[in-house]
C-alpha atoms as a PDB file:
ATOM      1  CA  MET A   1      37.107 119.294 107.261  1.00  0.00           C
ATOM      2  CA  ASN A   2      33.829 120.157 105.511  1.00  0.00           C
ATOM      3  CA  ILE A   3      30.788 117.948 105.859  1.00  0.00           C
ATOM      4  CA  ILE A   4      27.966 118.450 103.379  1.00  0.00           C
ATOM      5  CA  ARG A   5      24.630 116.707 103.814  1.00  0.00           C
ATOM      6  CA  VAL A   6      22.291 116.645 100.830  1.00  0.00           C
ATOM      7  CA  ARG A   7      18.920 114.914 101.030  1.00  0.00           C
ATOM      8  CA  ARG A   8      16.995 114.253  97.869  1.00  0.00           C
ATOM      9  CA  LYS A   9      15.169 111.568  95.982  1.00  0.00           C
ATOM     10  CA  ILE A  10      17.365 109.818  93.411  1.00  0.00           C
ATOM     11  CA  ALA A  11      15.802 109.891  89.956  1.00  0.00           C
ATOM     12  CA  SER A  12      18.707 108.458  87.946  1.00  0.00           C
ATOM     13  CA  SER A  13      22.207 107.034  88.311  1.00  0.00           C
ATOM     14  CA  ARG A  14      23.723 110.462  87.614  1.00  0.00           C
ATOM     15  CA  ILE A  15      23.553 113.027  90.372  1.00  0.00           C
ATOM     16  CA  ARG A  16      24.468 116.720  90.198  1.00  0.00           C
ATOM     17  CA  ILE A  17      25.298 118.257  93.555  1.00  0.00           C
ATOM     18  CA  SER A  18      26.041 121.968  93.308  1.00  0.00           C
ATOM     19  CA  GLU A  19      27.179 122.086  96.950  1.00  0.00           C
ATOM     20  CA  LEU A  20      30.352 120.196  95.934  1.00  0.00           C
ATOM     21  CA  LYS A  21      31.775 123.020  93.775  1.00  0.00           C
ATOM     22  CA  GLU A  22      34.099 124.200  96.547  1.00  0.00           C
ATOM     23  CA  LEU A  23      35.570 120.693  96.846  1.00  0.00           C
ATOM     24  CA  ILE A  24      36.572 120.268  93.189  1.00  0.00           C
ATOM     25  CA  GLY A  25      40.156 119.014  92.988  1.00  0.00           C
ATOM     26  CA  LYS A  26      40.230 117.784  96.597  1.00  0.00           C
ATOM     27  CA  GLN A  27      40.186 114.243  97.952  1.00  0.00           C
ATOM     28  CA  VAL A  28      36.721 113.401  99.308  1.00  0.00           C
ATOM     29  CA  GLU A  29      34.795 110.392 100.533  1.00  0.00           C
ATOM     30  CA  ILE A  30      31.245 110.056  99.253  1.00  0.00           C
ATOM     31  CA  ILE A  31      28.805 107.929 101.240  1.00  0.00           C
ATOM     32  CA  VAL A  32      25.260 107.283 100.012  1.00  0.00           C
ATOM     33  CA  LYS A  33      22.818 106.051 102.629  1.00  0.00           C
ATOM     34  CA  GLU A  34      19.180 105.170 102.048  1.00  0.00           C
ATOM     35  CA  THR A  35      16.892 106.789 104.600  1.00  0.00           C
ATOM     36  CA  GLU A  36      13.430 105.916 105.802  1.00  0.00           C
ATOM     37  CA  PRO A  37      10.666 108.382 104.949  1.00  0.00           C
ATOM     38  CA  ALA A  38       9.626 110.464 107.936  1.00  0.00           C
ATOM     39  CA  LYS A  39       6.572 109.206 109.781  1.00  0.00           C
ATOM     40  CA  GLY A  40       3.437 111.142 109.040  1.00  0.00           C
ATOM     41  CA  THR A  41       4.380 112.024 105.484  1.00  0.00           C
ATOM     42  CA  PHE A  42       1.921 111.475 102.693  1.00  0.00           C
ATOM     43  CA  GLU A  43       4.258 110.634  99.841  1.00  0.00           C
ATOM     44  CA  GLY A  44       2.523 110.745  96.494  1.00  0.00           C
ATOM     45  CA  LYS A  45      -0.813 111.884  97.914  1.00  0.00           C
ATOM     46  CA  ASN A  46      -2.457 115.271  97.713  1.00  0.00           C
ATOM     47  CA  VAL A  47      -2.764 116.717 101.212  1.00  0.00           C
ATOM     48  CA  TYR A  48      -4.701 119.824 100.181  1.00  0.00           C
ATOM     49  CA  GLY A  49      -7.434 120.481 102.707  1.00  0.00           C
ATOM     50  CA  ILE A  50      -6.310 117.858 105.206  1.00  0.00           C
ATOM     51  CA  LEU A  51      -6.806 120.304 108.101  1.00  0.00           C
ATOM     52  CA  SER A  52     -10.035 121.827 106.782  1.00  0.00           C
ATOM     53  CA  GLY A  53     -12.029 120.011 109.473  1.00  0.00           C
ATOM     54  CA  TYR A  54     -10.311 122.156 112.112  1.00  0.00           C
ATOM     55  CA  LYS A  55     -10.985 125.566 110.564  1.00  0.00           C
ATOM     56  CA  ASP A  56     -12.990 128.184 112.438  1.00  0.00           C
ATOM     57  CA  THR A  57     -15.497 129.551 109.947  1.00  0.00           C
ATOM     58  CA  GLN A  58     -16.346 132.472 112.223  1.00  0.00           C
ATOM     59  CA  LYS A  59     -12.809 133.833 111.902  1.00  0.00           C
ATOM     60  CA  SER A  60     -12.587 133.721 108.115  1.00  0.00           C
ATOM     61  CA  TYR A  61     -13.708 137.359 107.827  1.00  0.00           C
ATOM     62  CA  GLN A  62     -11.016 138.420 110.303  1.00  0.00           C
ATOM     63  CA  GLU A  63      -8.393 136.538 108.303  1.00  0.00           C
ATOM     64  CA  LYS A  64      -9.408 138.320 105.121  1.00  0.00           C
ATOM     65  CA  GLN A  65      -9.059 141.713 106.816  1.00  0.00           C
ATOM     66  CA  ALA A  66      -5.842 140.920 108.736  1.00  0.00           C
ATOM     67  CA  TRP A  67      -3.416 142.677 106.364  1.00  0.00           C
ATOM     68  CA  GLU A  68      -5.430 145.890 106.380  1.00  0.00           C
ATOM     69  CA  LEU A  69      -5.716 145.879 110.187  1.00  0.00           C
ATOM     70  CA  ILE A  70      -1.996 145.272 110.726  1.00  0.00           C
ATOM     71  CA  ALA A  71      -1.020 147.979 108.222  1.00  0.00           C
ATOM     72  CA  ARG A  72      -3.284 150.490 109.988  1.00  0.00           C
ATOM     73  CA  GLU A  73      -1.819 149.581 113.391  1.00  0.00           C
ATOM     74  CA  LYS A  74       1.749 149.887 112.154  1.00  0.00           C
ATOM     75  CA  HIS A  75       1.503 152.963 109.901  1.00  0.00           C
ATOM     76  CA  GLY A  76      -1.591 154.729 111.136  1.00  0.00           C
ATOM     77  CA  ASN A  77      -4.418 155.985 108.957  1.00  0.00           C
ATOM     78  CA  ARG A  78      -2.709 158.203 106.380  1.00  0.00           C
END
């Protein structure tokens, strides 16, 4: 018995679910259940910069140089 769980927002009365391709021609039971949005989500709002108050401005230079430092540590200075 296969159980497939698909979570998405319904935009119309017609739904395409590609995960059901392997069940074509078989008897299935389809149950649709409305779920509550997860607590702490900001549906419909822009959350860009929401954590900017916690940033450490003194480490921004280190963050910019992180890739170069890690590459040197891993591969040496060639």
